[in-house]
């Protein structure tokens, strides 16, 4: 905004207000779900994993109503309708290959023990 000061014009800016300080950061959910292609008991199942932490995965599974006892070592199995609900809650839909790649890269992949 220009303002007349004496015999000349000066450009005066409105005062700059400080930005609010953020007290927390929003973190994106890193829960992944692959396509429901695995048949079992007449249904199709998908895998639900986290590439950040097991704690995040357990919290997300609890939001879906999946009991902790259903944890499969590094993932939860979810039926087709559970997969849709997971995506609605913020899980990222990925291919099975991407799910395994990201799980390996995170260091959270647990292999099944080999039979003797």
C-alpha atoms as a PDB file:
ATOM      1  CA  UNK A   1       0.000   0.000   0.000  1.00  0.00           C
ATOM      2  CA  UNK A   2       1.452   3.422  -0.985  1.00  0.00           C
ATOM      3  CA  UNK A   3       1.247   6.274   1.471  1.00  0.00           C
ATOM      4  CA  UNK A   4       2.156   9.953   1.074  1.00  0.00           C
ATOM      5  CA  UNK A   5       4.844  10.905   3.611  1.00  0.00           C
ATOM      6  CA  UNK A   6       5.865  14.569   3.406  1.00  0.00           C
ATOM      7  CA  UNK A   7       6.402  15.385  -0.275  1.00  0.00           C
ATOM      8  CA  UNK A   8       7.191  11.844  -1.447  1.00  0.00           C
ATOM      9  CA  UNK A   9       5.408   8.556  -1.692  1.00  0.00           C
ATOM     10  CA  UNK A  10       6.681   5.606   0.303  1.00  0.00           C
ATOM     11  CA  UNK A  11       5.628   2.067  -0.040  1.00  0.00           C
ATOM     12  CA  UNK A  12       4.467   0.744   3.296  1.00  0.00           C
ATOM     13  CA  UNK A  13       3.836  -2.926   3.808  1.00  0.00           C
ATOM     14  CA  UNK A  14       1.405  -4.328   6.303  1.00  0.00           C
ATOM     15  CA  UNK A  15       3.141  -5.750   9.354  1.00  0.00           C
ATOM     16  CA  UNK A  16       4.453  -9.265   8.986  1.00  0.00           C
ATOM     17  CA  UNK A  17       2.897 -11.489  11.587  1.00  0.00           C
ATOM     18  CA  UNK A  18       4.861 -14.422  12.953  1.00  0.00           C
ATOM     19  CA  UNK A  19       3.791 -17.855  11.777  1.00  0.00           C
ATOM     20  CA  UNK A  20       2.130 -20.068  14.326  1.00  0.00           C
ATOM     21  CA  UNK A  21       4.428 -22.626  15.856  1.00  0.00           C
ATOM     22  CA  UNK A  22       3.476 -26.192  15.105  1.00  0.00           C
ATOM     23  CA  UNK A  23       3.406 -28.317  18.175  1.00  0.00           C
ATOM     24  CA  UNK A  24       3.022 -31.564  16.245  1.00  0.00           C
ATOM     25  CA  UNK A  25       3.473 -32.908  12.774  1.00  0.00           C
ATOM     26  CA  UNK A  26       1.028 -35.016  10.887  1.00  0.00           C
ATOM     27  CA  UNK A  27       2.686 -38.179   9.709  1.00  0.00           C
ATOM     28  CA  UNK A  28       1.373 -40.180   6.814  1.00  0.00           C
ATOM     29  CA  UNK A  29       0.245 -43.677   7.589  1.00  0.00           C
ATOM     30  CA  UNK A  30       2.590 -46.230   6.074  1.00  0.00           C
ATOM     31  CA  UNK A  31       0.263 -49.203   6.194  1.00  0.00           C
ATOM     32  CA  UNK A  32       0.150 -51.137   2.941  1.00  0.00           C
ATOM     33  CA  UNK A  33      -2.368 -53.644   1.603  1.00  0.00           C
ATOM     34  CA  UNK A  34      -1.966 -55.856  -1.448  1.00  0.00           C
ATOM     35  CA  UNK A  35      -4.758 -57.230  -3.679  1.00  0.00           C
ATOM     36  CA  UNK A  36      -7.052 -59.835  -2.129  1.00  0.00           C
ATOM     37  CA  UNK A  37      -6.024 -62.798  -4.288  1.00  0.00           C
ATOM     38  CA  UNK A  38      -5.202 -65.503  -1.738  1.00  0.00           C
ATOM     39  CA  UNK A  39      -7.999 -68.081  -1.446  1.00  0.00           C
ATOM     40  CA  UNK A  40      -8.835 -69.609   1.961  1.00  0.00           C
ATOM     41  CA  UNK A  41     -12.105 -70.939   3.315  1.00  0.00           C
ATOM     42  CA  UNK A  42     -14.128 -69.757   0.342  1.00  0.00           C
ATOM     43  CA  UNK A  43     -12.904 -66.140   0.513  1.00  0.00           C
ATOM     44  CA  UNK A  44     -10.104 -64.051  -0.986  1.00  0.00           C
ATOM     45  CA  UNK A  45      -7.540 -62.548   1.384  1.00  0.00           C
ATOM     46  CA  UNK A  46      -4.993 -59.711   1.278  1.00  0.00           C
ATOM     47  CA  UNK A  47      -1.964 -58.896   3.423  1.00  0.00           C
ATOM     48  CA  UNK A  48      -1.865 -55.824   5.668  1.00  0.00           C
ATOM     49  CA  UNK A  49       1.642 -54.622   6.630  1.00  0.00           C
ATOM     50  CA  UNK A  50       3.482 -51.517   7.812  1.00  0.00           C
ATOM     51  CA  UNK A  51       6.833 -50.388   6.454  1.00  0.00           C
ATOM     52  CA  UNK A  52       7.380 -48.176   9.524  1.00  0.00           C
ATOM     53  CA  UNK A  53       6.735 -50.265  12.650  1.00  0.00           C
ATOM     54  CA  UNK A  54       4.799 -53.152  14.099  1.00  0.00           C
ATOM     55  CA  UNK A  55       3.246 -50.741  16.614  1.00  0.00           C
ATOM     56  CA  UNK A  56       1.701 -48.760  13.752  1.00  0.00           C
ATOM     57  CA  UNK A  57       0.452 -51.978  12.154  1.00  0.00           C
ATOM     58  CA  UNK A  58      -1.126 -53.221  15.400  1.00  0.00           C
ATOM     59  CA  UNK A  59      -2.823 -49.851  15.995  1.00  0.00           C
ATOM     60  CA  UNK A  60      -4.200 -49.824  12.453  1.00  0.00           C
ATOM     61  CA  UNK A  61      -5.421 -53.420  12.733  1.00  0.00           C
ATOM     62  CA  UNK A  62      -7.188 -52.521  15.989  1.00  0.00           C
ATOM     63  CA  UNK A  63      -9.018 -49.715  14.156  1.00  0.00           C
ATOM     64  CA  UNK A  64     -10.216 -52.358  11.680  1.00  0.00           C
ATOM     65  CA  UNK A  65     -11.389 -54.569  14.527  1.00  0.00           C
ATOM     66  CA  UNK A  66      -8.778 -57.260  13.864  1.00  0.00           C
ATOM     67  CA  UNK A  67      -7.682 -58.980  17.089  1.00  0.00           C
ATOM     68  CA  UNK A  68      -3.975 -58.974  17.988  1.00  0.00           C
ATOM     69  CA  UNK A  69      -4.023 -62.788  17.943  1.00  0.00           C
ATOM     70  CA  UNK A  70      -4.526 -62.660  14.159  1.00  0.00           C
ATOM     71  CA  UNK A  71      -1.002 -61.229  13.659  1.00  0.00           C
ATOM     72  CA  UNK A  72       0.999 -63.526  11.357  1.00  0.00           C
ATOM     73  CA  UNK A  73       4.560 -62.553  12.362  1.00  0.00           C
ATOM     74  CA  UNK A  74       4.901 -59.566  10.007  1.00  0.00           C
ATOM     75  CA  UNK A  75       1.392 -59.076   8.617  1.00  0.00           C
ATOM     76  CA  UNK A  76      -2.320 -59.477   9.150  1.00  0.00           C
ATOM     77  CA  UNK A  77      -4.551 -61.310   6.682  1.00  0.00           C
ATOM     78  CA  UNK A  78      -7.673 -59.347   5.723  1.00  0.00           C
ATOM     79  CA  UNK A  79     -10.618 -60.458   3.566  1.00  0.00           C
ATOM     80  CA  UNK A  80     -11.713 -58.502   0.500  1.00  0.00           C
ATOM     81  CA  UNK A  81     -14.195 -56.346   2.449  1.00  0.00           C
ATOM     82  CA  UNK A  82     -11.555 -55.698   5.144  1.00  0.00           C
ATOM     83  CA  UNK A  83      -9.158 -54.543   2.427  1.00  0.00           C
ATOM     84  CA  UNK A  84     -11.691 -51.975   1.200  1.00  0.00           C
ATOM     85  CA  UNK A  85     -12.181 -50.717   4.756  1.00  0.00           C
ATOM     86  CA  UNK A  86      -8.401 -50.503   5.285  1.00  0.00           C
ATOM     87  CA  UNK A  87      -8.037 -48.373   2.167  1.00  0.00           C
ATOM     88  CA  UNK A  88     -10.888 -46.133   3.349  1.00  0.00           C
ATOM     89  CA  UNK A  89      -9.007 -45.663   6.655  1.00  0.00           C
ATOM     90  CA  UNK A  90      -5.822 -44.632   4.856  1.00  0.00           C
ATOM     91  CA  UNK A  91      -3.926 -47.794   3.944  1.00  0.00           C
ATOM     92  CA  UNK A  92      -2.081 -47.558   0.652  1.00  0.00           C
ATOM     93  CA  UNK A  93      -3.106 -50.112  -1.979  1.00  0.00           C
ATOM     94  CA  UNK A  94       0.003 -51.609  -3.581  1.00  0.00           C
ATOM     95  CA  UNK A  95       0.894 -54.646  -5.639  1.00  0.00           C
ATOM     96  CA  UNK A  96       2.083 -57.776  -3.895  1.00  0.00           C
ATOM     97  CA  UNK A  97       5.575 -57.206  -5.280  1.00  0.00           C
ATOM     98  CA  UNK A  98       5.732 -53.643  -3.960  1.00  0.00           C
ATOM     99  CA  UNK A  99       4.434 -54.772  -0.570  1.00  0.00           C
ATOM    100  CA  UNK A 100       7.226 -57.364  -0.228  1.00  0.00           C
ATOM    101  CA  UNK A 101       9.884 -54.956  -1.558  1.00  0.00           C
ATOM    102  CA  UNK A 102       8.933 -52.251   0.948  1.00  0.00           C
ATOM    103  CA  UNK A 103       8.618 -54.747   3.793  1.00  0.00           C
ATOM    104  CA  UNK A 104      12.130 -56.083   3.058  1.00  0.00           C
ATOM    105  CA  UNK A 105      13.557 -52.553   2.750  1.00  0.00           C
ATOM    106  CA  UNK A 106      12.078 -51.582   6.121  1.00  0.00           C
ATOM    107  CA  UNK A 107      13.728 -54.525   7.859  1.00  0.00           C
ATOM    108  CA  UNK A 108      10.362 -55.708   9.187  1.00  0.00           C
ATOM    109  CA  UNK A 109      10.057 -58.843   7.011  1.00  0.00           C
ATOM    110  CA  UNK A 110      10.091 -62.041   9.054  1.00  0.00           C
ATOM    111  CA  UNK A 111      10.607 -65.253   7.160  1.00  0.00           C
ATOM    112  CA  UNK A 112       8.931 -68.476   8.208  1.00  0.00           C
ATOM    113  CA  UNK A 113      11.330 -70.955   9.811  1.00  0.00           C
ATOM    114  CA  UNK A 114      12.363 -73.765   7.494  1.00  0.00           C
ATOM    115  CA  UNK A 115      11.178 -77.253   8.292  1.00  0.00           C
ATOM    116  CA  UNK A 116      14.044 -79.652   9.224  1.00  0.00           C
END
